[in-house]
Amino acid sequence: MALTINSIDALQTYLQGVLGRANHHAGNVEGVSLALLGAIIWRADGEIAVREYAGRPANMIWFHIGENKYVLTYNHGTEEIELKNRTHTGNILASFNNSSTYQQIIDIFRNL
């Protein structure tokens, strides 16, 4: 099930969960999470949705740019956030961690 992000409150709830989980076991992506969310807000056309787990937003977010659907997921093995095509099992288009620069993020999202 997915939750639609349709308010600042919903967005804050999602981000608080992401940052809280990153603080405990994914510190390698805590900072870049903020930049990626900004990139999604910048480029998304229409609905932004997040995975729901136990009634709360989880670490997966879907968005469209034009006709294309993308998802960001956290990879526990590499400790990176992966940008994928269409679904959580889609092709990996890019990977991000706290060493990713804002310019890399801008360039990748600009070219989606």
C-alpha atoms as a PDB file:
ATOM      1  CA  MET A   1       0.000   0.000   0.000  1.00  0.00           C
ATOM      2  CA  ALA A   2       1.181   3.523  -0.737  1.00  0.00           C
ATOM      3  CA  LEU A   3       0.414   6.786   1.007  1.00  0.00           C
ATOM      4  CA  THR A   4      -0.010   9.889  -1.125  1.00  0.00           C
ATOM      5  CA  ILE A   5       2.038  12.862  -0.012  1.00  0.00           C
ATOM      6  CA  ASN A   6      -0.521  15.642  -0.338  1.00  0.00           C
ATOM      7  CA  SER A   7       0.462  18.059   2.418  1.00  0.00           C
ATOM      8  CA  ILE A   8       3.458  19.507   4.203  1.00  0.00           C
ATOM      9  CA  ASP A   9       2.409  17.512   7.285  1.00  0.00           C
ATOM     10  CA  ALA A  10       2.560  14.230   5.344  1.00  0.00           C
ATOM     11  CA  LEU A  11       5.916  15.205   3.856  1.00  0.00           C
ATOM     12  CA  GLN A  12       7.298  16.069   7.301  1.00  0.00           C
ATOM     13  CA  THR A  13       6.052  12.783   8.754  1.00  0.00           C
ATOM     14  CA  TYR A  14       7.776  10.881   5.942  1.00  0.00           C
ATOM     15  CA  LEU A  15      11.026  12.803   6.314  1.00  0.00           C
ATOM     16  CA  GLN A  16      11.073  12.511  10.104  1.00  0.00           C
ATOM     17  CA  GLY A  17      10.770   8.744   9.714  1.00  0.00           C
ATOM     18  CA  VAL A  18      13.531   8.583   7.102  1.00  0.00           C
ATOM     19  CA  LEU A  19      15.906  10.704   9.163  1.00  0.00           C
ATOM     20  CA  GLY A  20      15.080   8.825  12.346  1.00  0.00           C
ATOM     21  CA  ARG A  21      15.826   5.481  10.711  1.00  0.00           C
ATOM     22  CA  ALA A  22      18.969   6.887   9.069  1.00  0.00           C
ATOM     23  CA  ASN A  23      20.187   8.108  12.428  1.00  0.00           C
ATOM     24  CA  HIS A  24      19.951   4.565  13.825  1.00  0.00           C
ATOM     25  CA  HIS A  25      21.267   2.391  10.995  1.00  0.00           C
ATOM     26  CA  ALA A  26      21.872   4.404   7.833  1.00  0.00           C
ATOM     27  CA  GLY A  27      23.999   7.398   8.747  1.00  0.00           C
ATOM     28  CA  ASN A  28      25.651   7.201   5.336  1.00  0.00           C
ATOM     29  CA  VAL A  29      22.505   8.682   3.740  1.00  0.00           C
ATOM     30  CA  GLU A  30      21.109  10.985   6.399  1.00  0.00           C
ATOM     31  CA  GLY A  31      22.255  14.230   4.746  1.00  0.00           C
ATOM     32  CA  VAL A  32      21.667  13.234   1.153  1.00  0.00           C
ATOM     33  CA  SER A  33      18.070  12.306   2.029  1.00  0.00           C
ATOM     34  CA  LEU A  34      17.269  15.992   2.416  1.00  0.00           C
ATOM     35  CA  ALA A  35      18.808  16.898  -0.937  1.00  0.00           C
ATOM     36  CA  LEU A  36      16.996  14.050  -2.699  1.00  0.00           C
ATOM     37  CA  LEU A  37      13.659  15.078  -1.276  1.00  0.00           C
ATOM     38  CA  GLY A  38      14.301  18.601  -2.539  1.00  0.00           C
ATOM     39  CA  ALA A  39      15.116  17.207  -5.983  1.00  0.00           C
ATOM     40  CA  ILE A  40      11.869  15.221  -6.010  1.00  0.00           C
ATOM     41  CA  ILE A  41       9.847  18.294  -5.059  1.00  0.00           C
ATOM     42  CA  TRP A  42      11.653  20.272  -7.774  1.00  0.00           C
ATOM     43  CA  ARG A  43      11.046  17.796 -10.597  1.00  0.00           C
ATOM     44  CA  ALA A  44       7.964  15.710  -9.726  1.00  0.00           C
ATOM     45  CA  ASP A  45       4.896  16.051 -11.906  1.00  0.00           C
ATOM     46  CA  GLY A  46       1.806  15.296  -9.904  1.00  0.00           C
ATOM     47  CA  GLU A  47       1.531  12.716  -7.181  1.00  0.00           C
ATOM     48  CA  ILE A  48       4.319  11.733  -4.818  1.00  0.00           C
ATOM     49  CA  ALA A  49       3.664   8.520  -2.886  1.00  0.00           C
ATOM     50  CA  VAL A  50       5.512   6.636  -0.174  1.00  0.00           C
ATOM     51  CA  ARG A  51       5.416   3.032   0.904  1.00  0.00           C
ATOM     52  CA  GLU A  52       3.306   2.318   3.944  1.00  0.00           C
ATOM     53  CA  TYR A  53       4.461  -0.131   6.582  1.00  0.00           C
ATOM     54  CA  ALA A  54       2.416  -0.763   9.723  1.00  0.00           C
ATOM     55  CA  GLY A  55       0.359   2.348   9.019  1.00  0.00           C
ATOM     56  CA  ARG A  56       3.407   4.642   8.798  1.00  0.00           C
ATOM     57  CA  PRO A  57       5.462   5.971   5.883  1.00  0.00           C
ATOM     58  CA  ALA A  58       8.485   3.776   5.054  1.00  0.00           C
ATOM     59  CA  ASN A  59      11.755   4.182   3.127  1.00  0.00           C
ATOM     60  CA  MET A  60      10.420   4.059  -0.428  1.00  0.00           C
ATOM     61  CA  ILE A  61       9.132   7.018  -2.433  1.00  0.00           C
ATOM     62  CA  TRP A  62       7.602   7.092  -5.938  1.00  0.00           C
ATOM     63  CA  PHE A  63       7.225  10.076  -8.240  1.00  0.00           C
ATOM     64  CA  HIS A  64       6.645  10.874 -11.904  1.00  0.00           C
ATOM     65  CA  ILE A  65       8.568  13.172 -14.182  1.00  0.00           C
ATOM     66  CA  GLY A  66       6.548  13.501 -17.348  1.00  0.00           C
ATOM     67  CA  GLU A  67       5.356  10.036 -18.335  1.00  0.00           C
ATOM     68  CA  ASN A  68       8.195   8.303 -16.475  1.00  0.00           C
ATOM     69  CA  LYS A  69       7.833   6.788 -13.004  1.00  0.00           C
ATOM     70  CA  TYR A  70      10.771   6.605 -10.599  1.00  0.00           C
ATOM     71  CA  VAL A  71      11.363   5.269  -7.111  1.00  0.00           C
ATOM     72  CA  LEU A  72      13.999   5.919  -4.460  1.00  0.00           C
ATOM     73  CA  THR A  73      14.794   2.984  -2.168  1.00  0.00           C
ATOM     74  CA  TYR A  74      17.392   2.322   0.494  1.00  0.00           C
ATOM     75  CA  ASN A  75      19.825  -0.535  -0.191  1.00  0.00           C
ATOM     76  CA  HIS A  76      20.927  -2.014   3.158  1.00  0.00           C
ATOM     77  CA  GLY A  77      23.840  -3.888   1.554  1.00  0.00           C
ATOM     78  CA  THR A  78      25.499  -0.862  -0.029  1.00  0.00           C
ATOM     79  CA  GLU A  79      24.132   1.663   2.481  1.00  0.00           C
ATOM     80  CA  GLU A  80      23.018   3.895  -0.391  1.00  0.00           C
ATOM     81  CA  ILE A  81      19.790   5.304  -1.734  1.00  0.00           C
ATOM     82  CA  GLU A  82      19.067   4.008  -5.211  1.00  0.00           C
ATOM     83  CA  LEU A  83      17.100   5.778  -7.925  1.00  0.00           C
ATOM     84  CA  LYS A  84      15.271   3.147  -9.950  1.00  0.00           C
ATOM     85  CA  ASN A  85      13.110   3.044 -13.005  1.00  0.00           C
ATOM     86  CA  ARG A  86       9.395   2.399 -12.306  1.00  0.00           C
ATOM     87  CA  THR A  87       9.497  -0.056  -9.350  1.00  0.00           C
ATOM     88  CA  HIS A  88      11.637  -1.051  -6.373  1.00  0.00           C
ATOM     89  CA  THR A  89      13.024  -3.875  -8.538  1.00  0.00           C
ATOM     90  CA  GLY A  90      13.627  -1.651 -11.570  1.00  0.00           C
ATOM     91  CA  ASN A  91      16.925  -0.780 -13.166  1.00  0.00           C
ATOM     92  CA  ILE A  92      19.215   1.274 -10.933  1.00  0.00           C
ATOM     93  CA  LEU A  93      19.735   4.662 -12.581  1.00  0.00           C
ATOM     94  CA  ALA A  94      21.905   6.224  -9.863  1.00  0.00           C
ATOM     95  CA  SER A  95      23.048   5.640  -6.288  1.00  0.00           C
ATOM     96  CA  PHE A  96      23.492   8.278  -3.605  1.00  0.00           C
ATOM     97  CA  ASN A  97      25.140   8.610  -0.207  1.00  0.00           C
ATOM     98  CA  ASN A  98      26.399  11.500   1.885  1.00  0.00           C
ATOM     99  CA  SER A  99      29.405  11.925  -0.415  1.00  0.00           C
ATOM    100  CA  SER A 100      27.100  12.703  -3.369  1.00  0.00           C
ATOM    101  CA  THR A 101      27.385  16.375  -4.241  1.00  0.00           C
ATOM    102  CA  TYR A 102      24.450  18.673  -4.732  1.00  0.00           C
ATOM    103  CA  GLN A 103      25.663  19.233  -8.317  1.00  0.00           C
ATOM    104  CA  GLN A 104      25.568  15.485  -9.038  1.00  0.00           C
ATOM    105  CA  ILE A 105      22.010  15.332  -7.699  1.00  0.00           C
ATOM    106  CA  ILE A 106      20.947  18.360  -9.736  1.00  0.00           C
ATOM    107  CA  ASP A 107      22.504  16.930 -12.917  1.00  0.00           C
ATOM    108  CA  ILE A 108      20.922  13.493 -12.477  1.00  0.00           C
ATOM    109  CA  PHE A 109      17.449  14.870 -11.724  1.00  0.00           C
ATOM    110  CA  ARG A 110      17.688  17.488 -14.480  1.00  0.00           C
ATOM    111  CA  ASN A 111      18.308  14.698 -16.992  1.00  0.00           C
ATOM    112  CA  LEU A 112      15.420  12.448 -15.932  1.00  0.00           C
END
